[in-house]
C-alpha atoms as a PDB file:
ATOM      1  CA  MET A   1     152.494 149.798  70.382  1.00  0.00           C
ATOM      2  CA  PRO A   2     154.110 148.122  67.334  1.00  0.00           C
ATOM      3  CA  LEU A   3     153.357 149.602  63.913  1.00  0.00           C
ATOM      4  CA  PRO A   4     151.185 147.698  61.420  1.00  0.00           C
ATOM      5  CA  GLU A   5     153.128 146.054  58.601  1.00  0.00           C
ATOM      6  CA  ALA A   6     151.916 148.622  56.024  1.00  0.00           C
ATOM      7  CA  PHE A   7     149.493 151.520  55.528  1.00  0.00           C
ATOM      8  CA  TYR A   8     147.292 149.341  53.277  1.00  0.00           C
ATOM      9  CA  LEU A   9     146.554 145.690  52.589  1.00  0.00           C
ATOM     10  CA  GLN A  10     145.584 144.830  49.004  1.00  0.00           C
ATOM     11  CA  THR A  11     142.455 142.653  48.853  1.00  0.00           C
ATOM     12  CA  ASP A  12     141.736 142.630  45.075  1.00  0.00           C
ATOM     13  CA  GLU A  13     143.080 144.225  41.894  1.00  0.00           C
ATOM     14  CA  GLN A  14     141.966 147.747  42.858  1.00  0.00           C
ATOM     15  CA  ASP A  15     140.577 147.126  46.342  1.00  0.00           C
ATOM     16  CA  TYR A  16     142.449 147.901  49.547  1.00  0.00           C
ATOM     17  CA  GLU A  17     141.952 147.922  53.289  1.00  0.00           C
ATOM     18  CA  PRO A  18     143.657 150.632  55.362  1.00  0.00           C
ATOM     19  CA  THR A  19     145.421 149.769  58.600  1.00  0.00           C
ATOM     20  CA  MET A  20     145.522 151.865  61.755  1.00  0.00           C
ATOM     21  CA  ALA A  21     148.840 153.349  60.548  1.00  0.00           C
ATOM     22  CA  ALA A  22     146.878 155.556  58.121  1.00  0.00           C
ATOM     23  CA  VAL A  23     144.765 157.198  60.859  1.00  0.00           C
ATOM     24  CA  GLY A  24     145.322 160.935  61.348  1.00  0.00           C
ATOM     25  CA  PRO A  25     145.270 163.105  64.489  1.00  0.00           C
ATOM     26  CA  TRP A  26     141.655 164.314  64.504  1.00  0.00           C
ATOM     27  CA  ALA A  27     139.441 161.206  64.857  1.00  0.00           C
ATOM     28  CA  PRO A  28     140.098 157.479  65.376  1.00  0.00           C
ATOM     29  CA  ASP A  29     138.037 156.531  62.296  1.00  0.00           C
ATOM     30  CA  LEU A  30     139.426 159.083  59.786  1.00  0.00           C
ATOM     31  CA  LEU A  31     142.597 158.749  57.728  1.00  0.00           C
ATOM     32  CA  HIS A  32     145.368 161.265  57.214  1.00  0.00           C
ATOM     33  CA  GLY A  33     145.346 162.427  53.591  1.00  0.00           C
ATOM     34  CA  GLY A  34     148.855 161.149  52.805  1.00  0.00           C
ATOM     35  CA  PRO A  35     148.261 157.369  52.590  1.00  0.00           C
ATOM     36  CA  PRO A  36     145.093 157.452  50.426  1.00  0.00           C
ATOM     37  CA  ILE A  37     146.558 160.047  48.049  1.00  0.00           C
ATOM     38  CA  ALA A  38     149.750 157.971  47.746  1.00  0.00           C
ATOM     39  CA  LEU A  39     147.649 154.864  47.085  1.00  0.00           C
ATOM     40  CA  LEU A  40     145.721 156.653  44.334  1.00  0.00           C
ATOM     41  CA  SER A  41     149.013 157.711  42.707  1.00  0.00           C
ATOM     42  CA  ARG A  42     150.230 154.105  42.886  1.00  0.00           C
ATOM     43  CA  ALA A  43     147.166 152.967  40.937  1.00  0.00           C
ATOM     44  CA  ILE A  44     147.742 155.721  38.358  1.00  0.00           C
ATOM     45  CA  ARG A  45     151.389 154.697  37.970  1.00  0.00           C
ATOM     46  CA  GLY A  46     150.416 151.091  37.243  1.00  0.00           C
ATOM     47  CA  PHE A  47     147.548 151.857  34.859  1.00  0.00           C
ATOM     48  CA  GLN A  48     148.545 151.019  31.257  1.00  0.00           C
ATOM     49  CA  ALA A  49     152.109 151.668  32.418  1.00  0.00           C
ATOM     50  CA  ARG A  50     155.035 152.515  30.124  1.00  0.00           C
ATOM     51  CA  GLY A  51     158.576 152.835  31.414  1.00  0.00           C
ATOM     52  CA  ASP A  52     159.332 156.103  29.583  1.00  0.00           C
ATOM     53  CA  LEU A  53     156.300 157.988  30.973  1.00  0.00           C
ATOM     54  CA  GLN A  54     156.370 159.686  34.374  1.00  0.00           C
ATOM     55  CA  VAL A  55     153.725 161.513  36.390  1.00  0.00           C
ATOM     56  CA  ALA A  56     154.763 165.151  36.005  1.00  0.00           C
ATOM     57  CA  ARG A  57     151.610 166.753  37.382  1.00  0.00           C
ATOM     58  CA  LEU A  58     149.077 165.313  39.821  1.00  0.00           C
ATOM     59  CA  GLY A  59     145.940 167.147  40.896  1.00  0.00           C
ATOM     60  CA  VAL A  60     143.817 165.607  43.655  1.00  0.00           C
ATOM     61  CA  GLU A  61     140.408 166.934  44.730  1.00  0.00           C
ATOM     62  CA  ILE A  62     139.609 166.004  48.350  1.00  0.00           C
ATOM     63  CA  LEU A  63     135.838 165.481  48.401  1.00  0.00           C
ATOM     64  CA  GLY A  64     135.612 164.838  52.136  1.00  0.00           C
ATOM     65  CA  PRO A  65     137.201 162.989  55.043  1.00  0.00           C
ATOM     66  CA  VAL A  66     138.557 159.556  54.107  1.00  0.00           C
ATOM     67  CA  PRO A  67     137.163 156.930  56.510  1.00  0.00           C
ATOM     68  CA  LEU A  68     138.959 153.976  58.049  1.00  0.00           C
ATOM     69  CA  ALA A  69     137.161 151.586  55.689  1.00  0.00           C
ATOM     70  CA  PRO A  70     137.925 149.418  52.644  1.00  0.00           C
ATOM     71  CA  CYS A  71     138.319 151.435  49.459  1.00  0.00           C
ATOM     72  CA  HIS A  72     138.002 150.875  45.716  1.00  0.00           C
ATOM     73  CA  ILE A  73     139.856 152.701  42.918  1.00  0.00           C
ATOM     74  CA  GLU A  74     138.560 153.328  39.377  1.00  0.00           C
ATOM     75  CA  LEU A  75     140.814 154.469  36.510  1.00  0.00           C
ATOM     76  CA  ARG A  76     140.411 155.623  32.918  1.00  0.00           C
ATOM     77  CA  MET A  77     142.619 157.032  30.171  1.00  0.00           C
ATOM     78  CA  ALA A  78     141.189 160.509  29.567  1.00  0.00           C
ATOM     79  CA  ARG A  79     143.715 161.488  26.896  1.00  0.00           C
ATOM     80  CA  PRO A  80     145.914 158.779  25.364  1.00  0.00           C
ATOM     81  CA  GLY A  81     149.108 159.779  23.606  1.00  0.00           C
ATOM     82  CA  ARG A  82     152.517 158.567  22.484  1.00  0.00           C
ATOM     83  CA  ARG A  83     154.458 161.132  24.550  1.00  0.00           C
ATOM     84  CA  VAL A  84     151.823 162.917  26.674  1.00  0.00           C
ATOM     85  CA  GLU A  85     148.759 161.332  28.302  1.00  0.00           C
ATOM     86  CA  LEU A  86     146.165 162.143  30.952  1.00  0.00           C
ATOM     87  CA  VAL A  87     144.887 159.555  33.451  1.00  0.00           C
ATOM     88  CA  GLU A  88     141.862 160.076  35.684  1.00  0.00           C
ATOM     89  CA  ALA A  89     141.248 158.147  38.914  1.00  0.00           C
ATOM     90  CA  SER A  90     138.774 158.094  41.757  1.00  0.00           C
ATOM     91  CA  MET A  91     138.683 156.462  45.184  1.00  0.00           C
ATOM     92  CA  SER A  92     135.486 155.464  46.959  1.00  0.00           C
ATOM     93  CA  ALA A  93     135.031 154.263  50.535  1.00  0.00           C
ATOM     94  CA  ALA A  94     132.016 153.662  52.785  1.00  0.00           C
ATOM     95  CA  GLY A  95     129.632 154.204  49.871  1.00  0.00           C
ATOM     96  CA  ARG A  96     130.930 157.565  48.596  1.00  0.00           C
ATOM     97  CA  GLU A  97     133.669 159.077  46.478  1.00  0.00           C
ATOM     98  CA  VAL A  98     136.393 160.571  48.636  1.00  0.00           C
ATOM     99  CA  LEU A  99     139.166 161.503  46.147  1.00  0.00           C
ATOM    100  CA  LEU A 100     139.299 162.472  42.476  1.00  0.00           C
ATOM    101  CA  ALA A 101     142.605 162.778  40.631  1.00  0.00           C
ATOM    102  CA  ARG A 102     143.972 163.746  37.225  1.00  0.00           C
ATOM    103  CA  ALA A 103     147.584 163.003  36.342  1.00  0.00           C
ATOM    104  CA  TRP A 104     149.595 164.107  33.337  1.00  0.00           C
ATOM    105  CA  ARG A 105     152.170 161.468  32.421  1.00  0.00           C
ATOM    106  CA  LEU A 106     154.945 162.861  30.225  1.00  0.00           C
ATOM    107  CA  GLN A 107     157.630 161.060  28.265  1.00  0.00           C
ATOM    108  CA  ARG A 108     161.132 161.395  29.702  1.00  0.00           C
ATOM    109  CA  GLU A 109     164.042 161.499  27.227  1.00  0.00           C
ATOM    110  CA  PRO A 110     167.319 161.738  29.208  1.00  0.00           C
ATOM    111  CA  GLY A 111     169.898 164.063  27.660  1.00  0.00           C
ATOM    112  CA  CYS A 112     167.494 165.823  25.280  1.00  0.00           C
ATOM    113  CA  LEU A 113     168.470 169.268  26.679  1.00  0.00           C
ATOM    114  CA  ALA A 114     170.823 171.038  29.062  1.00  0.00           C
ATOM    115  CA  PRO A 115     169.173 171.264  32.507  1.00  0.00           C
ATOM    116  CA  VAL A 116     168.343 174.597  34.149  1.00  0.00           C
ATOM    117  CA  PRO A 117     168.858 174.002  37.887  1.00  0.00           C
ATOM    118  CA  ASP A 118     166.499 175.112  40.650  1.00  0.00           C
ATOM    119  CA  ALA A 119     168.145 177.628  42.991  1.00  0.00           C
ATOM    120  CA  PHE A 120     166.692 176.072  46.166  1.00  0.00           C
ATOM    121  CA  ASP A 121     169.376 175.127  48.718  1.00  0.00           C
ATOM    122  CA  VAL A 122     168.812 171.649  50.137  1.00  0.00           C
ATOM    123  CA  PRO A 123     169.519 171.485  53.896  1.00  0.00           C
ATOM    124  CA  ALA A 124     171.594 168.673  55.361  1.00  0.00           C
ATOM    125  CA  LEU A 125     169.736 165.718  56.843  1.00  0.00           C
ATOM    126  CA  PRO A 126     169.899 166.030  60.660  1.00  0.00           C
ATOM    127  CA  GLY A 127     170.407 163.135  63.024  1.00  0.00           C
ATOM    128  CA  PRO A 128     167.509 161.395  64.817  1.00  0.00           C
ATOM    129  CA  GLN A 129     165.133 163.670  66.733  1.00  0.00           C
ATOM    130  CA  PRO A 130     162.383 163.125  69.327  1.00  0.00           C
ATOM    131  CA  GLN A 131     158.993 163.021  67.609  1.00  0.00           C
ATOM    132  CA  GLN A 132     156.872 165.981  68.749  1.00  0.00           C
ATOM    133  CA  PHE A 133     153.427 166.688  67.333  1.00  0.00           C
ATOM    134  CA  PHE A 134     150.720 169.325  67.699  1.00  0.00           C
ATOM    135  CA  GLU A 135     149.916 170.916  71.039  1.00  0.00           C
ATOM    136  CA  GLY A 136     147.577 168.537  72.865  1.00  0.00           C
ATOM    137  CA  VAL A 137     148.337 165.659  70.448  1.00  0.00           C
ATOM    138  CA  GLU A 138     151.069 163.503  71.933  1.00  0.00           C
ATOM    139  CA  HIS A 139     150.867 160.700  69.357  1.00  0.00           C
ATOM    140  CA  PHE A 140     148.728 159.593  66.436  1.00  0.00           C
ATOM    141  CA  PRO A 141     149.182 156.510  64.211  1.00  0.00           C
ATOM    142  CA  TYR A 142     150.138 158.200  60.935  1.00  0.00           C
ATOM    143  CA  GLY A 143     152.541 160.570  62.680  1.00  0.00           C
ATOM    144  CA  ASP A 144     154.291 157.648  64.385  1.00  0.00           C
ATOM    145  CA  ALA A 145     154.526 155.740  61.061  1.00  0.00           C
ATOM    146  CA  ILE A 146     156.793 158.462  59.598  1.00  0.00           C
ATOM    147  CA  GLU A 147     160.235 159.433  60.877  1.00  0.00           C
ATOM    148  CA  TRP A 148     160.460 163.247  60.901  1.00  0.00           C
ATOM    149  CA  ARG A 149     163.689 165.265  61.103  1.00  0.00           C
ATOM    150  CA  PHE A 150     163.221 169.050  61.118  1.00  0.00           C
ATOM    151  CA  THR A 151     165.788 171.618  60.048  1.00  0.00           C
ATOM    152  CA  HIS A 152     163.378 174.526  60.687  1.00  0.00           C
ATOM    153  CA  GLY A 153     160.044 174.802  62.492  1.00  0.00           C
ATOM    154  CA  GLY A 154     157.994 171.816  63.613  1.00  0.00           C
ATOM    155  CA  PHE A 155     154.515 170.429  64.254  1.00  0.00           C
ATOM    156  CA  ASP A 156     154.538 172.100  67.670  1.00  0.00           C
ATOM    157  CA  SER A 157     155.451 175.603  66.407  1.00  0.00           C
ATOM    158  CA  LEU A 158     153.714 178.056  64.080  1.00  0.00           C
ATOM    159  CA  GLY A 159     155.075 179.289  60.764  1.00  0.00           C
ATOM    160  CA  PRO A 160     157.140 177.925  57.882  1.00  0.00           C
ATOM    161  CA  ALA A 161     158.837 174.574  58.321  1.00  0.00           C
ATOM    162  CA  THR A 162     161.476 172.463  56.588  1.00  0.00           C
ATOM    163  CA  VAL A 163     161.601 168.754  57.318  1.00  0.00           C
ATOM    164  CA  TRP A 164     163.040 165.513  56.054  1.00  0.00           C
ATOM    165  CA  GLY A 165     160.739 162.501  56.321  1.00  0.00           C
ATOM    166  CA  ARG A 166     160.877 158.771  55.703  1.00  0.00           C
ATOM    167  CA  PRO A 167     158.019 156.228  55.978  1.00  0.00           C
ATOM    168  CA  ARG A 168     158.786 153.531  58.539  1.00  0.00           C
ATOM    169  CA  ILE A 169     156.508 150.997  56.810  1.00  0.00           C
ATOM    170  CA  PRO A 170     155.498 150.279  53.175  1.00  0.00           C
ATOM    171  CA  LEU A 171     152.489 151.884  51.538  1.00  0.00           C
ATOM    172  CA  VAL A 172     151.068 148.461  50.548  1.00  0.00           C
ATOM    173  CA  ARG A 173     152.001 145.247  52.322  1.00  0.00           C
ATOM    174  CA  GLY A 174     154.680 143.283  50.472  1.00  0.00           C
ATOM    175  CA  GLN A 175     155.212 145.926  47.769  1.00  0.00           C
ATOM    176  CA  GLU A 176     157.916 148.537  47.292  1.00  0.00           C
ATOM    177  CA  GLU A 177     156.710 152.093  46.756  1.00  0.00           C
ATOM    178  CA  SER A 178     158.044 154.539  44.153  1.00  0.00           C
ATOM    179  CA  GLY A 179     159.661 157.865  44.935  1.00  0.00           C
ATOM    180  CA  LEU A 180     156.387 159.608  44.052  1.00  0.00           C
ATOM    181  CA  GLU A 181     154.459 157.446  46.513  1.00  0.00           C
ATOM    182  CA  ARG A 182     156.984 158.099  49.296  1.00  0.00           C
ATOM    183  CA  LEU A 183     156.646 161.815  48.599  1.00  0.00           C
ATOM    184  CA  LEU A 184     152.847 161.734  48.648  1.00  0.00           C
ATOM    185  CA  LEU A 185     152.811 159.799  51.896  1.00  0.00           C
ATOM    186  CA  LEU A 186     154.345 162.961  53.413  1.00  0.00           C
ATOM    187  CA  LEU A 187     153.077 165.830  51.292  1.00  0.00           C
ATOM    188  CA  ASP A 188     149.548 166.231  52.658  1.00  0.00           C
ATOM    189  CA  SER A 189     151.225 167.181  55.960  1.00  0.00           C
ATOM    190  CA  ALA A 190     152.504 170.461  54.447  1.00  0.00           C
ATOM    191  CA  ASN A 191     149.632 172.624  55.733  1.00  0.00           C
ATOM    192  CA  GLY A 192     149.971 171.199  59.258  1.00  0.00           C
ATOM    193  CA  LEU A 193     153.761 171.528  59.260  1.00  0.00           C
ATOM    194  CA  SER A 194     153.537 175.206  58.269  1.00  0.00           C
ATOM    195  CA  ALA A 195     150.363 176.109  60.173  1.00  0.00           C
ATOM    196  CA  GLU A 196     150.033 179.801  61.029  1.00  0.00           C
ATOM    197  CA  LEU A 197     147.177 179.242  63.500  1.00  0.00           C
ATOM    198  CA  PRO A 198     146.979 176.898  66.516  1.00  0.00           C
ATOM    199  CA  VAL A 199     145.352 173.622  65.480  1.00  0.00           C
ATOM    200  CA  HIS A 200     143.348 173.254  68.713  1.00  0.00           C
ATOM    201  CA  ALA A 201     141.530 176.536  67.991  1.00  0.00           C
ATOM    202  CA  TRP A 202     141.355 176.610  64.162  1.00  0.00           C
ATOM    203  CA  SER A 203     140.410 174.180  61.407  1.00  0.00           C
ATOM    204  CA  PHE A 204     142.269 174.564  58.109  1.00  0.00           C
ATOM    205  CA  VAL A 205     140.904 171.945  55.745  1.00  0.00           C
ATOM    206  CA  PRO A 206     142.740 171.258  52.454  1.00  0.00           C
ATOM    207  CA  VAL A 207     140.293 170.853  49.574  1.00  0.00           C
ATOM    208  CA  ASP A 208     142.950 169.799  47.069  1.00  0.00           C
ATOM    209  CA  LEU A 209     146.579 168.918  46.469  1.00  0.00           C
ATOM    210  CA  GLN A 210     148.374 170.039  43.302  1.00  0.00           C
ATOM    211  CA  LEU A 211     151.867 168.689  42.602  1.00  0.00           C
ATOM    212  CA  SER A 212     154.173 169.453  39.671  1.00  0.00           C
ATOM    213  CA  LEU A 213     157.408 167.458  39.364  1.00  0.00           C
ATOM    214  CA  TYR A 214     160.271 167.808  36.940  1.00  0.00           C
ATOM    215  CA  ARG A 215     161.773 164.605  38.325  1.00  0.00           C
ATOM    216  CA  GLU A 216     160.701 161.908  40.750  1.00  0.00           C
ATOM    217  CA  PRO A 217     162.528 161.645  44.107  1.00  0.00           C
ATOM    218  CA  ARG A 218     165.226 158.980  44.030  1.00  0.00           C
ATOM    219  CA  HIS A 219     166.154 158.507  47.683  1.00  0.00           C
ATOM    220  CA  PRO A 220     164.431 157.111  50.811  1.00  0.00           C
ATOM    221  CA  TRP A 221     164.423 160.484  52.609  1.00  0.00           C
ATOM    222  CA  ILE A 222     162.083 163.125  51.162  1.00  0.00           C
ATOM    223  CA  GLY A 223     162.321 166.830  52.000  1.00  0.00           C
ATOM    224  CA  ILE A 224     159.472 169.337  52.365  1.00  0.00           C
ATOM    225  CA  ASP A 225     159.897 173.120  52.671  1.00  0.00           C
ATOM    226  CA  ALA A 226     156.408 174.490  53.399  1.00  0.00           C
ATOM    227  CA  ARG A 227     154.849 177.856  54.154  1.00  0.00           C
ATOM    228  CA  THR A 228     151.232 178.977  54.507  1.00  0.00           C
ATOM    229  CA  ALA A 229     149.525 182.243  53.539  1.00  0.00           C
ATOM    230  CA  LEU A 230     146.080 183.207  54.878  1.00  0.00           C
ATOM    231  CA  ASP A 231     143.493 185.812  53.922  1.00  0.00           C
ATOM    232  CA  ALA A 232     141.255 187.473  56.515  1.00  0.00           C
ATOM    233  CA  ALA A 233     138.200 186.014  54.721  1.00  0.00           C
ATOM    234  CA  GLY A 234     139.141 182.458  55.734  1.00  0.00           C
ATOM    235  CA  VAL A 235     140.860 181.097  52.605  1.00  0.00           C
ATOM    236  CA  GLY A 236     144.539 180.234  52.381  1.00  0.00           C
ATOM    237  CA  THR A 237     147.237 178.290  50.565  1.00  0.00           C
ATOM    238  CA  SER A 238     150.165 176.152  51.602  1.00  0.00           C
ATOM    239  CA  HIS A 239     152.966 176.077  49.033  1.00  0.00           C
ATOM    240  CA  THR A 240     155.836 173.657  49.188  1.00  0.00           C
ATOM    241  CA  THR A 241     159.187 172.881  47.612  1.00  0.00           C
ATOM    242  CA  VAL A 242     159.914 169.145  47.578  1.00  0.00           C
ATOM    243  CA  PHE A 243     163.442 167.754  47.446  1.00  0.00           C
ATOM    244  CA  ASP A 244     165.721 164.805  48.114  1.00  0.00           C
ATOM    245  CA  ALA A 245     169.477 164.328  48.550  1.00  0.00           C
ATOM    246  CA  ASP A 246     170.055 165.138  44.860  1.00  0.00           C
ATOM    247  CA  GLY A 247     168.263 168.503  45.035  1.00  0.00           C
ATOM    248  CA  PRO A 248     164.775 169.940  44.518  1.00  0.00           C
ATOM    249  CA  CYS A 249     162.196 167.938  42.543  1.00  0.00           C
ATOM    250  CA  GLY A 250     159.186 170.242  42.121  1.00  0.00           C
ATOM    251  CA  ARG A 251     156.473 172.284  43.825  1.00  0.00           C
ATOM    252  CA  SER A 252     153.082 171.632  45.413  1.00  0.00           C
ATOM    253  CA  LEU A 253     150.069 173.699  46.480  1.00  0.00           C
ATOM    254  CA  HIS A 254     147.141 173.162  48.865  1.00  0.00           C
ATOM    255  CA  THR A 255     144.008 175.340  48.917  1.00  0.00           C
ATOM    256  CA  LEU A 256     142.707 175.748  52.487  1.00  0.00           C
ATOM    257  CA  PHE A 257     139.293 176.473  54.012  1.00  0.00           C
ATOM    258  CA  ILE A 258     139.891 178.051  57.443  1.00  0.00           C
ATOM    259  CA  ARG A 259     137.424 178.597  60.289  1.00  0.00           C
ATOM    260  CA  PRO A 260     137.495 178.623  64.113  1.00  0.00           C
ATOM    261  CA  ARG A 261     136.779 175.234  65.673  1.00  0.00           C
END
């Protein structure tokens, strides 16, 4: 089946309609977290935008499943500033809030200090690979809308994973996405990529996504190095290093609620 032309169609200034490409693996009327979180970050990037400010930290609270339904985004400047500012955003769909976000936008001043490099070793980008997903899930729309190339682990194996990914379609029809939006299209997959329990027997629901970046990805391919830690009481975390061809860019964290299905 051919892919839709984008994950979202824009219908008004801050109103959007998701396409089937945004649907995740668990229900035909629920979205994967990546496209709506990326869309929320796109709205934040464009809100009272200044070229010298960059999102350096994004925290997203996931209030519940995001439905396959038109959505609306609200934004406000929580803390204005000349060099540091805080933007708040929310997304609603089907009559309820589904995502809340706070983003710190910091002024970038190239050359103001000598960089201290991250020691993470970026793996080489492999050639094309067959797309394999979770046990019992042969295909799902969001998974097919991303090209995945693993250097370690995979959807169909348990434990840490390292993968390069590239969206096959734009986030919003007719519009080019930023490096941050390409990253966020992929990043909510980190807990599934590095799952330590079989997905057909266990539910591990992310309640948030926290991302800190010292630079925005600059290349089409985005890398994710993810691992998950679980406590016997049913709470866990997935922590991730994100990178591109120029090196690492930052770190992310999911908080997980885990129970048997």
